[in-house]
Amino acid sequence: MTINLALEYIPRRMKELGYKSDYYIRFRHLVLQPNEEQTIDAFNQFFYLVEEAQSVRVESETGVFDLSESTTNEMQYEHQSKIHVTNYLSGINHLRFIQVIPKNKTIIKK
């Protein structure tokens, strides 16, 4: 997902989930050290992967993104809850997300 596509997608997705425009958007650029593993606590937040990352695994309750994975038939670009990130490279790697933090849930009347 490119940044432009993500920025177009996010307002519609937030509306689907019951949020109007009551959320913050942050660009997150993780610089992962060789073979580094990180856990991101993203409860009540959404992380959108904005590019296909090579040699990286991103796993959460909503799914997995890992281009080397051969046992799944779908890669997820939207993650939330506890997110586990693993850099498979023996060198520095980069991972770019858009983080969406809802302020509070506003019920949308149809």
PDB file of N, CA and C in Angstrom:
ATOM      1  N   MET A   1       0.866  -1.178   0.000  1.00  0.00           N
ATOM      2  CA  MET A   1       0.000   0.000   0.000  1.00  0.00           C
ATOM      3  C   MET A   1       0.899   1.223   0.000  1.00  0.00           C
ATOM      4  N   THR A   2       0.688   2.118  -0.919  1.00  0.00           N
ATOM      5  CA  THR A   2       1.486   3.342  -0.963  1.00  0.00           C
ATOM      6  C   THR A   2       0.932   4.351   0.042  1.00  0.00           C
ATOM      7  N   ILE A   3       1.694   5.389   0.316  1.00  0.00           N
ATOM      8  CA  ILE A   3       1.245   6.420   1.262  1.00  0.00           C
ATOM      9  C   ILE A   3      -0.028   7.078   0.755  1.00  0.00           C
ATOM     10  N   ASN A   4      -0.081   7.411  -0.547  1.00  0.00           N
ATOM     11  CA  ASN A   4      -1.280   8.051  -1.091  1.00  0.00           C
ATOM     12  C   ASN A   4      -2.499   7.153  -0.965  1.00  0.00           C
ATOM     13  N   LEU A   5      -2.337   5.880  -1.282  1.00  0.00           N
ATOM     14  CA  LEU A   5      -3.443   4.932  -1.166  1.00  0.00           C
ATOM     15  C   LEU A   5      -3.882   4.802   0.290  1.00  0.00           C
ATOM     16  N   ALA A   6      -2.934   4.738   1.199  1.00  0.00           N
ATOM     17  CA  ALA A   6      -3.259   4.625   2.623  1.00  0.00           C
ATOM     18  C   ALA A   6      -4.030   5.845   3.105  1.00  0.00           C
ATOM     19  N   LEU A   7      -3.595   7.035   2.701  1.00  0.00           N
ATOM     20  CA  LEU A   7      -4.274   8.264   3.146  1.00  0.00           C
ATOM     21  C   LEU A   7      -5.685   8.373   2.559  1.00  0.00           C
ATOM     22  N   GLU A   8      -5.918   7.767   1.423  1.00  0.00           N
ATOM     23  CA  GLU A   8      -7.255   7.724   0.844  1.00  0.00           C
ATOM     24  C   GLU A   8      -8.107   6.665   1.543  1.00  0.00           C
ATOM     25  N   TYR A   9      -7.492   5.556   1.892  1.00  0.00           N
ATOM     26  CA  TYR A   9      -8.181   4.423   2.494  1.00  0.00           C
ATOM     27  C   TYR A   9      -8.564   4.663   3.953  1.00  0.00           C
ATOM     28  N   ILE A  10      -7.695   5.289   4.716  1.00  0.00           N
ATOM     29  CA  ILE A  10      -7.877   5.423   6.163  1.00  0.00           C
ATOM     30  C   ILE A  10      -9.194   6.098   6.548  1.00  0.00           C
ATOM     31  N   PRO A  11      -9.585   7.240   5.973  1.00  0.00           N
ATOM     32  CA  PRO A  11     -10.873   7.841   6.380  1.00  0.00           C
ATOM     33  C   PRO A  11     -12.072   6.913   6.146  1.00  0.00           C
ATOM     34  N   ARG A  12     -12.054   6.185   5.034  1.00  0.00           N
ATOM     35  CA  ARG A  12     -13.153   5.234   4.780  1.00  0.00           C
ATOM     36  C   ARG A  12     -13.131   4.090   5.778  1.00  0.00           C
ATOM     37  N   ARG A  13     -11.962   3.588   6.067  1.00  0.00           N
ATOM     38  CA  ARG A  13     -11.847   2.471   7.021  1.00  0.00           C
ATOM     39  C   ARG A  13     -12.271   2.909   8.416  1.00  0.00           C
ATOM     40  N   MET A  14     -11.865   4.097   8.837  1.00  0.00           N
ATOM     41  CA  MET A  14     -12.260   4.593  10.152  1.00  0.00           C
ATOM     42  C   MET A  14     -13.776   4.775  10.231  1.00  0.00           C
ATOM     43  N   LYS A  15     -14.370   5.240   9.152  1.00  0.00           N
ATOM     44  CA  LYS A  15     -15.832   5.387   9.114  1.00  0.00           C
ATOM     45  C   LYS A  15     -16.504   4.021   9.234  1.00  0.00           C
ATOM     46  N   GLU A  16     -15.972   3.008   8.545  1.00  0.00           N
ATOM     47  CA  GLU A  16     -16.496   1.634   8.648  1.00  0.00           C
ATOM     48  C   GLU A  16     -16.459   1.141  10.089  1.00  0.00           C
ATOM     49  N   LEU A  17     -15.413   1.527  10.812  1.00  0.00           N
ATOM     50  CA  LEU A  17     -15.236   1.073  12.194  1.00  0.00           C
ATOM     51  C   LEU A  17     -15.989   1.936  13.200  1.00  0.00           C
ATOM     52  N   GLY A  18     -16.681   2.987  12.727  1.00  0.00           N
ATOM     53  CA  GLY A  18     -17.497   3.813  13.602  1.00  0.00           C
ATOM     54  C   GLY A  18     -16.854   5.099  14.072  1.00  0.00           C
ATOM     55  N   TYR A  19     -15.720   5.476  13.469  1.00  0.00           N
ATOM     56  CA  TYR A  19     -15.043   6.710  13.842  1.00  0.00           C
ATOM     57  C   TYR A  19     -15.295   7.746  12.746  1.00  0.00           C
ATOM     58  N   LYS A  20     -15.617   8.979  13.162  1.00  0.00           N
ATOM     59  CA  LYS A  20     -15.741  10.044  12.163  1.00  0.00           C
ATOM     60  C   LYS A  20     -14.337  10.538  11.867  1.00  0.00           C
ATOM     61  N   SER A  21     -14.055  11.769  12.114  1.00  0.00           N
ATOM     62  CA  SER A  21     -12.704  12.286  11.876  1.00  0.00           C
ATOM     63  C   SER A  21     -11.980  12.506  13.194  1.00  0.00           C
ATOM     64  N   ASP A  22     -12.408  11.808  14.218  1.00  0.00           N
ATOM     65  CA  ASP A  22     -11.831  11.973  15.545  1.00  0.00           C
ATOM     66  C   ASP A  22     -10.660  11.018  15.757  1.00  0.00           C
ATOM     67  N   TYR A  23      -9.578  11.255  15.012  1.00  0.00           N
ATOM     68  CA  TYR A  23      -8.395  10.424  15.176  1.00  0.00           C
ATOM     69  C   TYR A  23      -7.160  11.211  14.759  1.00  0.00           C
ATOM     70  N   TYR A  24      -6.047  10.776  15.297  1.00  0.00           N
ATOM     71  CA  TYR A  24      -4.759  11.368  14.958  1.00  0.00           C
ATOM     72  C   TYR A  24      -4.055  10.448  13.968  1.00  0.00           C
ATOM     73  N   ILE A  25      -3.292  11.030  13.063  1.00  0.00           N
ATOM     74  CA  ILE A  25      -2.486  10.256  12.120  1.00  0.00           C
ATOM     75  C   ILE A  25      -1.020  10.615  12.352  1.00  0.00           C
ATOM     76  N   ARG A  26      -0.199   9.581  12.484  1.00  0.00           N
ATOM     77  CA  ARG A  26       1.243   9.776  12.643  1.00  0.00           C
ATOM     78  C   ARG A  26       1.980   8.892  11.648  1.00  0.00           C
ATOM     79  N   PHE A  27       3.019   9.419  11.053  1.00  0.00           N
ATOM     80  CA  PHE A  27       3.888   8.608  10.213  1.00  0.00           C
ATOM     81  C   PHE A  27       4.952   8.005  11.112  1.00  0.00           C
ATOM     82  N   ARG A  28       5.139   6.703  10.988  1.00  0.00           N
ATOM     83  CA  ARG A  28       6.132   6.002  11.807  1.00  0.00           C
ATOM     84  C   ARG A  28       7.133   5.322  10.888  1.00  0.00           C
ATOM     85  N   HIS A  29       8.387   5.619  11.082  1.00  0.00           N
ATOM     86  CA  HIS A  29       9.460   5.027  10.296  1.00  0.00           C
ATOM     87  C   HIS A  29      10.369   4.303  11.279  1.00  0.00           C
ATOM     88  N   LEU A  30      10.270   2.990  11.308  1.00  0.00           N
ATOM     89  CA  LEU A  30      11.105   2.198  12.207  1.00  0.00           C
ATOM     90  C   LEU A  30      12.425   1.883  11.518  1.00  0.00           C
ATOM     91  N   VAL A  31      13.503   2.105  12.217  1.00  0.00           N
ATOM     92  CA  VAL A  31      14.832   1.714  11.748  1.00  0.00           C
ATOM     93  C   VAL A  31      15.205   0.498  12.580  1.00  0.00           C
ATOM     94  N   LEU A  32      15.176  -0.649  11.932  1.00  0.00           N
ATOM     95  CA  LEU A  32      15.398  -1.915  12.630  1.00  0.00           C
ATOM     96  C   LEU A  32      16.865  -2.314  12.542  1.00  0.00           C
ATOM     97  N   GLN A  33      17.434  -2.615  13.665  1.00  0.00           N
ATOM     98  CA  GLN A  33      18.828  -3.053  13.728  1.00  0.00           C
ATOM     99  C   GLN A  33      18.937  -4.495  13.230  1.00  0.00           C
ATOM    100  N   PRO A  34      20.138  -4.965  12.915  1.00  0.00           N
ATOM    101  CA  PRO A  34      20.297  -6.330  12.410  1.00  0.00           C
ATOM    102  C   PRO A  34      19.630  -7.361  13.318  1.00  0.00           C
ATOM    103  N   ASN A  35      18.797  -8.203  12.722  1.00  0.00           N
ATOM    104  CA  ASN A  35      18.097  -9.297  13.420  1.00  0.00           C
ATOM    105  C   ASN A  35      17.268  -8.834  14.613  1.00  0.00           C
ATOM    106  N   GLU A  36      16.874  -7.591  14.621  1.00  0.00           N
ATOM    107  CA  GLU A  36      16.118  -7.036  15.750  1.00  0.00           C
ATOM    108  C   GLU A  36      14.666  -7.518  15.746  1.00  0.00           C
ATOM    109  N   GLU A  37      14.134  -7.700  16.938  1.00  0.00           N
ATOM    110  CA  GLU A  37      12.716  -7.979  17.137  1.00  0.00           C
ATOM    111  C   GLU A  37      12.149  -6.892  18.029  1.00  0.00           C
ATOM    112  N   GLN A  38      10.968  -6.383  17.659  1.00  0.00           N
ATOM    113  CA  GLN A  38      10.295  -5.349  18.448  1.00  0.00           C
ATOM    114  C   GLN A  38       8.853  -5.748  18.657  1.00  0.00           C
ATOM    115  N   THR A  39       8.297  -5.304  19.771  1.00  0.00           N
ATOM    116  CA  THR A  39       6.866  -5.450  20.011  1.00  0.00           C
ATOM    117  C   THR A  39       6.298  -4.054  20.194  1.00  0.00           C
ATOM    118  N   ILE A  40       5.236  -3.768  19.454  1.00  0.00           N
ATOM    119  CA  ILE A  40       4.561  -2.477  19.530  1.00  0.00           C
ATOM    120  C   ILE A  40       3.201  -2.712  20.175  1.00  0.00           C
ATOM    121  N   ASP A  41       2.942  -2.018  21.273  1.00  0.00           N
ATOM    122  CA  ASP A  41       1.626  -2.097  21.899  1.00  0.00           C
ATOM    123  C   ASP A  41       0.704  -1.123  21.181  1.00  0.00           C
ATOM    124  N   ALA A  42      -0.198  -1.661  20.383  1.00  0.00           N
ATOM    125  CA  ALA A  42      -1.077  -0.829  19.560  1.00  0.00           C
ATOM    126  C   ALA A  42      -2.541  -1.120  19.876  1.00  0.00           C
ATOM    127  N   PHE A  43      -2.835  -1.250  21.148  1.00  0.00           N
ATOM    128  CA  PHE A  43      -4.220  -1.467  21.546  1.00  0.00           C
ATOM    129  C   PHE A  43      -4.979  -0.169  21.295  1.00  0.00           C
ATOM    130  N   ASN A  44      -6.166  -0.257  20.710  1.00  0.00           N
ATOM    131  CA  ASN A  44      -6.982   0.908  20.350  1.00  0.00           C
ATOM    132  C   ASN A  44      -6.286   1.811  19.345  1.00  0.00           C
ATOM    133  N   GLN A  45      -5.389   1.250  18.550  1.00  0.00           N
ATOM    134  CA  GLN A  45      -4.688   1.975  17.496  1.00  0.00           C
ATOM    135  C   GLN A  45      -4.633   1.074  16.266  1.00  0.00           C
ATOM    136  N   PHE A  46      -4.347   1.691  15.138  1.00  0.00           N
ATOM    137  CA  PHE A  46      -4.224   0.949  13.890  1.00  0.00           C
ATOM    138  C   PHE A  46      -2.915   1.346  13.231  1.00  0.00           C
ATOM    139  N   PHE A  47      -2.187   0.363  12.749  1.00  0.00           N
ATOM    140  CA  PHE A  47      -0.944   0.593  12.024  1.00  0.00           C
ATOM    141  C   PHE A  47      -1.119   0.074  10.607  1.00  0.00           C
ATOM    142  N   TYR A  48      -0.866   0.955   9.633  1.00  0.00           N
ATOM    143  CA  TYR A  48      -0.994   0.600   8.224  1.00  0.00           C
ATOM    144  C   TYR A  48       0.384   0.589   7.588  1.00  0.00           C
ATOM    145  N   LEU A  49       0.794  -0.560   7.111  1.00  0.00           N
ATOM    146  CA  LEU A  49       2.062  -0.694   6.416  1.00  0.00           C
ATOM    147  C   LEU A  49       1.932   0.018   5.078  1.00  0.00           C
ATOM    148  N   VAL A  50       2.846   0.929   4.762  1.00  0.00           N
ATOM    149  CA  VAL A  50       2.692   1.743   3.557  1.00  0.00           C
ATOM    150  C   VAL A  50       3.639   1.346   2.420  1.00  0.00           C
ATOM    151  N   GLU A  51       4.369   0.270   2.603  1.00  0.00           N
ATOM    152  CA  GLU A  51       5.186  -0.248   1.504  1.00  0.00           C
ATOM    153  C   GLU A  51       5.495  -1.710   1.775  1.00  0.00           C
ATOM    154  N   GLU A  52       5.775  -2.429   0.713  1.00  0.00           N
ATOM    155  CA  GLU A  52       6.147  -3.826   0.869  1.00  0.00           C
ATOM    156  C   GLU A  52       7.566  -3.887   1.418  1.00  0.00           C
ATOM    157  N   ALA A  53       7.681  -4.367   2.610  1.00  0.00           N
ATOM    158  CA  ALA A  53       8.976  -4.430   3.275  1.00  0.00           C
ATOM    159  C   ALA A  53       9.620  -5.790   3.019  1.00  0.00           C
ATOM    160  N   GLN A  54      10.854  -5.772   2.583  1.00  0.00           N
ATOM    161  CA  GLN A  54      11.610  -6.995   2.323  1.00  0.00           C
ATOM    162  C   GLN A  54      12.304  -7.454   3.598  1.00  0.00           C
ATOM    163  N   SER A  55      12.364  -8.747   3.799  1.00  0.00           N
ATOM    164  CA  SER A  55      13.109  -9.356   4.916  1.00  0.00           C
ATOM    165  C   SER A  55      12.610  -8.886   6.272  1.00  0.00           C
ATOM    166  N   VAL A  56      11.301  -8.660   6.375  1.00  0.00           N
ATOM    167  CA  VAL A  56      10.681  -8.234   7.625  1.00  0.00           C
ATOM    168  C   VAL A  56       9.395  -9.030   7.823  1.00  0.00           C
ATOM    169  N   ARG A  57       9.121  -9.354   9.062  1.00  0.00           N
ATOM    170  CA  ARG A  57       7.851  -9.996   9.409  1.00  0.00           C
ATOM    171  C   ARG A  57       7.099  -9.066  10.349  1.00  0.00           C
ATOM    172  N   VAL A  58       5.829  -8.808  10.038  1.00  0.00           N
ATOM    173  CA  VAL A  58       4.943  -8.024  10.882  1.00  0.00           C
ATOM    174  C   VAL A  58       3.761  -8.928  11.197  1.00  0.00           C
ATOM    175  N   GLU A  59       3.548  -9.183  12.482  1.00  0.00           N
ATOM    176  CA  GLU A  59       2.500 -10.117  12.884  1.00  0.00           C
ATOM    177  C   GLU A  59       1.681  -9.504  14.016  1.00  0.00           C
ATOM    178  N   SER A  60       0.355  -9.633  13.893  1.00  0.00           N
ATOM    179  CA  SER A  60      -0.553  -9.123  14.921  1.00  0.00           C
ATOM    180  C   SER A  60      -1.793 -10.005  14.948  1.00  0.00           C
ATOM    181  N   GLU A  61      -2.751  -9.632  15.798  1.00  0.00           N
ATOM    182  CA  GLU A  61      -4.007 -10.382  15.852  1.00  0.00           C
ATOM    183  C   GLU A  61      -4.742 -10.362  14.519  1.00  0.00           C
ATOM    184  N   THR A  62      -4.519  -9.320  13.729  1.00  0.00           N
ATOM    185  CA  THR A  62      -5.253  -9.181  12.466  1.00  0.00           C
ATOM    186  C   THR A  62      -4.592  -9.902  11.306  1.00  0.00           C
ATOM    187  N   GLY A  63      -3.393 -10.411  11.480  1.00  0.00           N
ATOM    188  CA  GLY A  63      -2.758 -11.165  10.418  1.00  0.00           C
ATOM    189  C   GLY A  63      -1.259 -11.004  10.383  1.00  0.00           C
ATOM    190  N   VAL A  64      -0.698 -11.368   9.230  1.00  0.00           N
ATOM    191  CA  VAL A  64       0.760 -11.367   9.076  1.00  0.00           C
ATOM    192  C   VAL A  64       1.134 -10.734   7.740  1.00  0.00           C
ATOM    193  N   PHE A  65       2.283 -10.057   7.736  1.00  0.00           N
ATOM    194  CA  PHE A  65       2.904  -9.600   6.510  1.00  0.00           C
ATOM    195  C   PHE A  65       4.329 -10.096   6.545  1.00  0.00           C
ATOM    196  N   ASP A  66       4.651 -10.993   5.622  1.00  0.00           N
ATOM    197  CA  ASP A  66       5.996 -11.560   5.545  1.00  0.00           C
ATOM    198  C   ASP A  66       6.138 -12.132   4.139  1.00  0.00           C
ATOM    199  N   LEU A  67       6.879 -11.443   3.287  1.00  0.00           N
ATOM    200  CA  LEU A  67       6.995 -11.878   1.896  1.00  0.00           C
ATOM    201  C   LEU A  67       7.679 -13.223   1.746  1.00  0.00           C
ATOM    202  N   SER A  68       8.360 -13.704   2.794  1.00  0.00           N
ATOM    203  CA  SER A  68       8.987 -15.026   2.731  1.00  0.00           C
ATOM    204  C   SER A  68       8.051 -16.123   3.235  1.00  0.00           C
ATOM    205  N   GLU A  69       6.884 -15.754   3.728  1.00  0.00           N
ATOM    206  CA  GLU A  69       5.911 -16.727   4.261  1.00  0.00           C
ATOM    207  C   GLU A  69       5.290 -17.520   3.113  1.00  0.00           C
ATOM    208  N   SER A  70       5.292 -18.841   3.242  1.00  0.00           N
ATOM    209  CA  SER A  70       4.730 -19.681   2.181  1.00  0.00           C
ATOM    210  C   SER A  70       3.469 -20.426   2.628  1.00  0.00           C
ATOM    211  N   THR A  71       3.079 -20.259   3.890  1.00  0.00           N
ATOM    212  CA  THR A  71       1.915 -21.004   4.383  1.00  0.00           C
ATOM    213  C   THR A  71       0.664 -20.138   4.524  1.00  0.00           C
ATOM    214  N   THR A  72       0.706 -18.912   4.051  1.00  0.00           N
ATOM    215  CA  THR A  72      -0.469 -18.053   4.102  1.00  0.00           C
ATOM    216  C   THR A  72      -0.835 -17.640   2.684  1.00  0.00           C
ATOM    217  N   ASN A  73      -2.113 -17.352   2.477  1.00  0.00           N
ATOM    218  CA  ASN A  73      -2.541 -16.953   1.142  1.00  0.00           C
ATOM    219  C   ASN A  73      -2.923 -15.472   1.083  1.00  0.00           C
ATOM    220  N   GLU A  74      -2.619 -14.724   2.154  1.00  0.00           N
ATOM    221  CA  GLU A  74      -2.942 -13.302   2.168  1.00  0.00           C
ATOM    222  C   GLU A  74      -2.007 -12.559   3.104  1.00  0.00           C
ATOM    223  N   MET A  75      -1.540 -11.404   2.660  1.00  0.00           N
ATOM    224  CA  MET A  75      -0.703 -10.537   3.475  1.00  0.00           C
ATOM    225  C   MET A  75      -1.559  -9.391   3.999  1.00  0.00           C
ATOM    226  N   GLN A  76      -1.376  -9.034   5.265  1.00  0.00           N
ATOM    227  CA  GLN A  76      -2.162  -7.966   5.881  1.00  0.00           C
ATOM    228  C   GLN A  76      -1.327  -6.698   5.996  1.00  0.00           C
ATOM    229  N   TYR A  77      -1.918  -5.590   5.605  1.00  0.00           N
ATOM    230  CA  TYR A  77      -1.278  -4.284   5.719  1.00  0.00           C
ATOM    231  C   TYR A  77      -1.810  -3.512   6.923  1.00  0.00           C
ATOM    232  N   GLU A  78      -2.916  -3.939   7.492  1.00  0.00           N
ATOM    233  CA  GLU A  78      -3.522  -3.284   8.658  1.00  0.00           C
ATOM    234  C   GLU A  78      -3.258  -4.149   9.885  1.00  0.00           C
ATOM    235  N   HIS A  79      -2.677  -3.527  10.924  1.00  0.00           N
ATOM    236  CA  HIS A  79      -2.350  -4.267  12.142  1.00  0.00           C
ATOM    237  C   HIS A  79      -2.802  -3.479  13.359  1.00  0.00           C
ATOM    238  N   GLN A  80      -3.132  -4.216  14.417  1.00  0.00           N
ATOM    239  CA  GLN A  80      -3.489  -3.585  15.680  1.00  0.00           C
ATOM    240  C   GLN A  80      -3.223  -4.557  16.813  1.00  0.00           C
ATOM    241  N   SER A  81      -3.500  -4.101  18.024  1.00  0.00           N
ATOM    242  CA  SER A  81      -3.271  -4.888  19.234  1.00  0.00           C
ATOM    243  C   SER A  81      -1.768  -4.957  19.505  1.00  0.00           C
ATOM    244  N   LYS A  82      -1.250  -6.119  19.783  1.00  0.00           N
ATOM    245  CA  LYS A  82       0.189  -6.296  20.017  1.00  0.00           C
ATOM    246  C   LYS A  82       0.811  -6.695  18.678  1.00  0.00           C
ATOM    247  N   ILE A  83       1.727  -5.864  18.186  1.00  0.00           N
ATOM    248  CA  ILE A  83       2.348  -6.086  16.882  1.00  0.00           C
ATOM    249  C   ILE A  83       3.792  -6.531  17.098  1.00  0.00           C
ATOM    250  N   HIS A  84       4.137  -7.674  16.515  1.00  0.00           N
ATOM    251  CA  HIS A  84       5.502  -8.194  16.607  1.00  0.00           C
ATOM    252  C   HIS A  84       6.199  -7.950  15.267  1.00  0.00           C
ATOM    253  N   VAL A  85       7.360  -7.299  15.318  1.00  0.00           N
ATOM    254  CA  VAL A  85       8.133  -6.970  14.123  1.00  0.00           C
ATOM    255  C   VAL A  85       9.476  -7.675  14.231  1.00  0.00           C
ATOM    256  N   THR A  86       9.866  -8.363  13.156  1.00  0.00           N
ATOM    257  CA  THR A  86      11.146  -9.065  13.127  1.00  0.00           C
ATOM    258  C   THR A  86      11.898  -8.681  11.860  1.00  0.00           C
ATOM    259  N   ASN A  87      13.141  -8.234  12.029  1.00  0.00           N
ATOM    260  CA  ASN A  87      14.026  -7.929  10.911  1.00  0.00           C
ATOM    261  C   ASN A  87      14.861  -9.176  10.632  1.00  0.00           C
ATOM    262  N   TYR A  88      14.707  -9.756   9.462  1.00  0.00           N
ATOM    263  CA  TYR A  88      15.468 -10.954   9.093  1.00  0.00           C
ATOM    264  C   TYR A  88      16.867 -10.642   8.581  1.00  0.00           C
ATOM    265  N   LEU A  89      17.128  -9.382   8.269  1.00  0.00           N
ATOM    266  CA  LEU A  89      18.430  -9.019   7.705  1.00  0.00           C
ATOM    267  C   LEU A  89      19.530  -9.001   8.764  1.00  0.00           C
ATOM    268  N   SER A  90      20.742  -9.251   8.316  1.00  0.00           N
ATOM    269  CA  SER A  90      21.897  -9.093   9.207  1.00  0.00           C
ATOM    270  C   SER A  90      22.419  -7.665   9.115  1.00  0.00           C
ATOM    271  N   GLY A  91      21.623  -6.777   8.509  1.00  0.00           N
ATOM    272  CA  GLY A  91      21.932  -5.354   8.415  1.00  0.00           C
ATOM    273  C   GLY A  91      20.704  -4.546   8.816  1.00  0.00           C
ATOM    274  N   ILE A  92      20.848  -3.242   8.797  1.00  0.00           N
ATOM    275  CA  ILE A  92      19.742  -2.351   9.154  1.00  0.00           C
ATOM    276  C   ILE A  92      18.651  -2.447   8.095  1.00  0.00           C
ATOM    277  N   ASN A  93      17.403  -2.384   8.549  1.00  0.00           N
ATOM    278  CA  ASN A  93      16.244  -2.435   7.659  1.00  0.00           C
ATOM    279  C   ASN A  93      15.275  -1.329   8.060  1.00  0.00           C
ATOM    280  N   HIS A  94      14.420  -0.927   7.141  1.00  0.00           N
ATOM    281  CA  HIS A  94      13.462   0.151   7.393  1.00  0.00           C
ATOM    282  C   HIS A  94      12.044  -0.353   7.193  1.00  0.00           C
ATOM    283  N   LEU A  95      11.136   0.147   8.027  1.00  0.00           N
ATOM    284  CA  LEU A  95       9.730  -0.246   7.966  1.00  0.00           C
ATOM    285  C   LEU A  95       8.901   1.006   8.200  1.00  0.00           C
ATOM    286  N   ARG A  96       7.984   1.293   7.273  1.00  0.00           N
ATOM    287  CA  ARG A  96       7.193   2.520   7.352  1.00  0.00           C
ATOM    288  C   ARG A  96       5.720   2.203   7.539  1.00  0.00           C
ATOM    289  N   PHE A  97       5.135   2.864   8.525  1.00  0.00           N
ATOM    290  CA  PHE A  97       3.723   2.713   8.859  1.00  0.00           C
ATOM    291  C   PHE A  97       3.053   4.080   8.891  1.00  0.00           C
ATOM    292  N   ILE A  98       1.736   4.070   8.775  1.00  0.00           N
ATOM    293  CA  ILE A  98       0.920   5.188   9.216  1.00  0.00           C
ATOM    294  C   ILE A  98       0.171   4.673  10.434  1.00  0.00           C
ATOM    295  N   GLN A  99       0.288   5.380  11.537  1.00  0.00           N
ATOM    296  CA  GLN A  99      -0.373   5.025  12.786  1.00  0.00           C
ATOM    297  C   GLN A  99      -1.619   5.887  12.919  1.00  0.00           C
ATOM    298  N   VAL A 100      -2.744   5.258  13.194  1.00  0.00           N
ATOM    299  CA  VAL A 100      -4.002   5.971  13.405  1.00  0.00           C
ATOM    300  C   VAL A 100      -4.432   5.739  14.851  1.00  0.00           C
ATOM    301  N   ILE A 101      -4.618   6.837  15.581  1.00  0.00           N
ATOM    302  CA  ILE A 101      -4.993   6.772  16.991  1.00  0.00           C
ATOM    303  C   ILE A 101      -6.357   7.439  17.155  1.00  0.00           C
ATOM    304  N   PRO A 102      -7.415   6.654  17.320  1.00  0.00           N
ATOM    305  CA  PRO A 102      -8.743   7.253  17.513  1.00  0.00           C
ATOM    306  C   PRO A 102      -8.799   8.027  18.824  1.00  0.00           C
ATOM    307  N   LYS A 103      -9.436   9.213  18.785  1.00  0.00           N
ATOM    308  CA  LYS A 103      -9.617  10.012  20.004  1.00  0.00           C
ATOM    309  C   LYS A 103     -10.678   9.362  20.878  1.00  0.00           C
ATOM    310  N   ASN A 104     -11.822   9.106  20.302  1.00  0.00           N
ATOM    311  CA  ASN A 104     -12.892   8.379  20.978  1.00  0.00           C
ATOM    312  C   ASN A 104     -13.882   7.940  19.912  1.00  0.00           C
ATOM    313  N   LYS A 105     -14.644   6.917  20.204  1.00  0.00           N
ATOM    314  CA  LYS A 105     -15.566   6.379  19.215  1.00  0.00           C
ATOM    315  C   LYS A 105     -16.819   7.228  19.149  1.00  0.00           C
ATOM    316  N   THR A 106     -17.163   7.659  17.939  1.00  0.00           N
ATOM    317  CA  THR A 106     -18.366   8.430  17.699  1.00  0.00           C
ATOM    318  C   THR A 106     -19.280   7.576  16.834  1.00  0.00           C
ATOM    319  N   ILE A 107     -20.469   7.348  17.307  1.00  0.00           N
ATOM    320  CA  ILE A 107     -21.396   6.525  16.549  1.00  0.00           C
ATOM    321  C   ILE A 107     -21.897   7.308  15.345  1.00  0.00           C
ATOM    322  N   ILE A 108     -21.797   6.698  14.189  1.00  0.00           N
ATOM    323  CA  ILE A 108     -22.245   7.318  12.961  1.00  0.00           C
ATOM    324  C   ILE A 108     -23.651   6.823  12.668  1.00  0.00           C
ATOM    325  N   LYS A 109     -24.579   7.758  12.534  1.00  0.00           N
ATOM    326  CA  LYS A 109     -25.956   7.397  12.223  1.00  0.00           C
ATOM    327  C   LYS A 109     -26.102   7.239  10.722  1.00  0.00           C
ATOM    328  N   LYS A 110     -26.794   6.184  10.335  1.00  0.00           N
ATOM    329  CA  LYS A 110     -26.995   5.923   8.904  1.00  0.00           C
ATOM    330  C   LYS A 110     -28.293   6.488   8.431  1.00  0.00           C
TER     331      LYS A 110
END
